[in-house]
C-alpha atoms as a PDB file:
ATOM      1  CA  MET A   1     -86.996 -29.972 -53.587  1.00  0.00           C
ATOM      2  CA  GLU A   2     -83.478 -29.724 -53.057  1.00  0.00           C
ATOM      3  CA  ILE A   3     -80.603 -30.423 -55.829  1.00  0.00           C
ATOM      4  CA  LYS A   4     -78.203 -33.098 -54.234  1.00  0.00           C
ATOM      5  CA  LYS A   5     -76.008 -33.738 -56.902  1.00  0.00           C
ATOM      6  CA  ALA A   6     -75.059 -32.460 -60.576  1.00  0.00           C
ATOM      7  CA  ALA A   7     -77.722 -33.834 -63.032  1.00  0.00           C
ATOM      8  CA  MET A   8     -78.149 -33.312 -66.901  1.00  0.00           C
ATOM      9  CA  ALA A   9     -81.130 -33.730 -68.737  1.00  0.00           C
ATOM     10  CA  GLY A  10     -81.582 -33.503 -72.832  1.00  0.00           C
ATOM     11  CA  THR A  11     -79.304 -32.975 -76.109  1.00  0.00           C
ATOM     12  CA  LEU A  12     -77.875 -30.543 -78.282  1.00  0.00           C
ATOM     13  CA  GLU A  13     -80.216 -31.661 -81.384  1.00  0.00           C
ATOM     14  CA  SER A  14     -82.342 -29.369 -83.181  1.00  0.00           C
ATOM     15  CA  SER A  15     -85.540 -28.602 -81.514  1.00  0.00           C
ATOM     16  CA  ASP A  16     -83.894 -29.797 -77.862  1.00  0.00           C
ATOM     17  CA  ALA A  17     -82.285 -28.004 -74.783  1.00  0.00           C
ATOM     18  CA  GLN A  18     -79.756 -29.539 -72.538  1.00  0.00           C
ATOM     19  CA  VAL A  19     -80.535 -28.602 -68.731  1.00  0.00           C
ATOM     20  CA  THR A  20     -77.665 -29.086 -66.114  1.00  0.00           C
ATOM     21  CA  VAL A  21     -78.894 -28.522 -62.599  1.00  0.00           C
ATOM     22  CA  GLU A  22     -76.079 -28.580 -59.805  1.00  0.00           C
ATOM     23  CA  PRO A  23     -76.426 -27.455 -55.989  1.00  0.00           C
ATOM     24  CA  GLY A  24     -76.528 -23.658 -55.432  1.00  0.00           C
ATOM     25  CA  GLU A  25     -76.846 -21.045 -52.748  1.00  0.00           C
ATOM     26  CA  ASN A  26     -78.900 -17.997 -52.279  1.00  0.00           C
ATOM     27  CA  GLY A  27     -81.606 -18.556 -54.724  1.00  0.00           C
ATOM     28  CA  ILE A  28     -81.535 -19.422 -58.299  1.00  0.00           C
ATOM     29  CA  ASP A  29     -78.599 -19.052 -60.400  1.00  0.00           C
ATOM     30  CA  LEU A  30     -79.880 -19.574 -64.132  1.00  0.00           C
ATOM     31  CA  SER A  31     -77.500 -19.317 -67.308  1.00  0.00           C
ATOM     32  CA  ILE A  32     -79.137 -19.805 -70.863  1.00  0.00           C
ATOM     33  CA  GLU A  33     -77.668 -19.978 -73.969  1.00  0.00           C
ATOM     34  CA  SER A  34     -79.941 -20.131 -77.202  1.00  0.00           C
ATOM     35  CA  SER A  35     -79.524 -19.047 -80.918  1.00  0.00           C
ATOM     36  CA  VAL A  36     -82.743 -17.442 -80.484  1.00  0.00           C
ATOM     37  CA  ILE A  37     -82.081 -15.631 -76.853  1.00  0.00           C
ATOM     38  CA  HIS A  38     -83.270 -12.257 -78.380  1.00  0.00           C
ATOM     39  CA  GLN A  39     -86.677 -13.585 -79.640  1.00  0.00           C
ATOM     40  CA  PHE A  40     -87.345 -16.147 -76.896  1.00  0.00           C
ATOM     41  CA  GLY A  41     -84.996 -15.255 -73.881  1.00  0.00           C
ATOM     42  CA  ARG A  42     -87.734 -14.013 -71.502  1.00  0.00           C
ATOM     43  CA  GLN A  43     -90.070 -17.264 -72.260  1.00  0.00           C
ATOM     44  CA  ILE A  44     -87.259 -19.247 -71.810  1.00  0.00           C
ATOM     45  CA  ARG A  45     -86.143 -17.748 -68.770  1.00  0.00           C
ATOM     46  CA  ALA A  46     -90.031 -17.997 -67.338  1.00  0.00           C
ATOM     47  CA  THR A  47     -90.640 -21.375 -68.402  1.00  0.00           C
ATOM     48  CA  VAL A  48     -87.707 -22.623 -66.479  1.00  0.00           C
ATOM     49  CA  LEU A  49     -88.303 -20.521 -63.180  1.00  0.00           C
ATOM     50  CA  GLU A  50     -92.013 -21.534 -63.473  1.00  0.00           C
ATOM     51  CA  THR A  51     -91.008 -25.460 -63.769  1.00  0.00           C
ATOM     52  CA  LEU A  52     -88.118 -24.898 -60.769  1.00  0.00           C
ATOM     53  CA  ASN A  53     -90.701 -22.916 -58.825  1.00  0.00           C
ATOM     54  CA  ARG A  54     -93.331 -25.960 -59.238  1.00  0.00           C
ATOM     55  CA  LEU A  55     -90.733 -28.324 -57.777  1.00  0.00           C
ATOM     56  CA  GLN A  56     -90.081 -26.092 -54.998  1.00  0.00           C
ATOM     57  CA  VAL A  57     -86.463 -26.037 -55.968  1.00  0.00           C
ATOM     58  CA  THR A  58     -85.051 -22.650 -54.018  1.00  0.00           C
ATOM     59  CA  ASP A  59     -81.434 -23.130 -54.433  1.00  0.00           C
ATOM     60  CA  ALA A  60     -79.760 -24.248 -57.453  1.00  0.00           C
ATOM     61  CA  LYS A  61     -77.268 -23.448 -60.432  1.00  0.00           C
ATOM     62  CA  VAL A  62     -78.793 -24.151 -63.743  1.00  0.00           C
ATOM     63  CA  THR A  63     -78.093 -23.807 -67.123  1.00  0.00           C
ATOM     64  CA  VAL A  64     -80.070 -24.504 -70.346  1.00  0.00           C
ATOM     65  CA  VAL A  65     -78.190 -24.767 -73.721  1.00  0.00           C
ATOM     66  CA  ASP A  66     -81.128 -24.533 -75.746  1.00  0.00           C
ATOM     67  CA  LYS A  67     -81.859 -25.602 -79.747  1.00  0.00           C
ATOM     68  CA  GLY A  68     -84.944 -23.936 -80.243  1.00  0.00           C
ATOM     69  CA  ALA A  69     -86.958 -26.255 -77.826  1.00  0.00           C
ATOM     70  CA  LEU A  70     -90.941 -25.964 -77.023  1.00  0.00           C
ATOM     71  CA  ASP A  71     -92.020 -24.906 -73.807  1.00  0.00           C
ATOM     72  CA  CYS A  72     -93.081 -28.533 -73.075  1.00  0.00           C
ATOM     73  CA  THR A  73     -89.730 -29.679 -73.694  1.00  0.00           C
ATOM     74  CA  LEU A  74     -88.187 -27.187 -71.806  1.00  0.00           C
ATOM     75  CA  LYS A  75     -90.719 -28.213 -68.616  1.00  0.00           C
ATOM     76  CA  ALA A  76     -89.739 -31.812 -69.316  1.00  0.00           C
ATOM     77  CA  ARG A  77     -86.089 -31.467 -69.393  1.00  0.00           C
ATOM     78  CA  VAL A  78     -85.963 -29.394 -66.081  1.00  0.00           C
ATOM     79  CA  GLU A  79     -88.414 -31.744 -64.312  1.00  0.00           C
ATOM     80  CA  CYS A  80     -85.930 -34.664 -65.443  1.00  0.00           C
ATOM     81  CA  ALA A  81     -82.521 -33.171 -64.539  1.00  0.00           C
ATOM     82  CA  VAL A  82     -83.967 -32.443 -60.867  1.00  0.00           C
ATOM     83  CA  TYR A  83     -85.232 -35.680 -60.440  1.00  0.00           C
ATOM     84  CA  ARG A  84     -81.947 -37.014 -61.699  1.00  0.00           C
ATOM     85  CA  SER A  85     -80.146 -35.012 -58.975  1.00  0.00           C
ATOM     86  CA  ASN A  86     -82.131 -36.871 -56.337  1.00  0.00           C
ATOM     87  CA  GLY A  87     -81.951 -40.022 -57.572  1.00  0.00           C
ATOM     88  CA  ILE A  88     -85.816 -40.316 -58.136  1.00  0.00           C
ATOM     89  CA  THR A  89     -86.248 -42.781 -61.010  1.00  0.00           C
ATOM     90  CA  GLU A  90     -89.796 -44.493 -59.813  1.00  0.00           C
ATOM     91  CA  ASN A  91     -93.323 -42.859 -59.775  1.00  0.00           C
ATOM     92  CA  LEU A  92     -92.503 -39.780 -61.113  1.00  0.00           C
ATOM     93  CA  PRO A  93     -95.175 -37.114 -61.276  1.00  0.00           C
ATOM     94  CA  TRP A  94     -94.567 -36.030 -64.810  1.00  0.00           C
ATOM     95  CA  GLY A  95     -96.123 -32.958 -66.506  1.00  0.00           C
ATOM     96  CA  GLY A  96     -99.238 -31.524 -64.978  1.00  0.00           C
ATOM     97  CA  VAL A  97     -99.453 -33.636 -61.823  1.00  0.00           C
ATOM     98  CA  ILE A  98     -96.681 -31.240 -60.201  1.00  0.00           C
ATOM     99  CA  LYS A  99     -97.820 -28.749 -57.829  1.00  0.00           C
END
């Protein structure tokens, strides 16, 4: 899926994450800011990249500001931002439906 315009999902509240996607070139440019980056940085990165892969996003600039979000929250925020960037608002294939 192509990132057509900048879009954001999530908040900066505790236990959440704010994910911003923008059109990009030459792969995924992922930036992560988190107070727990040393403990969970690899897992956050893997979760975001796995979700983008499932959505078939190949070129994007992605910024994650993590406030202690669980993996399921990260996945939902990435999915939502990608869908918003494409103007998709109906019949969303949330969660495990995406292959």
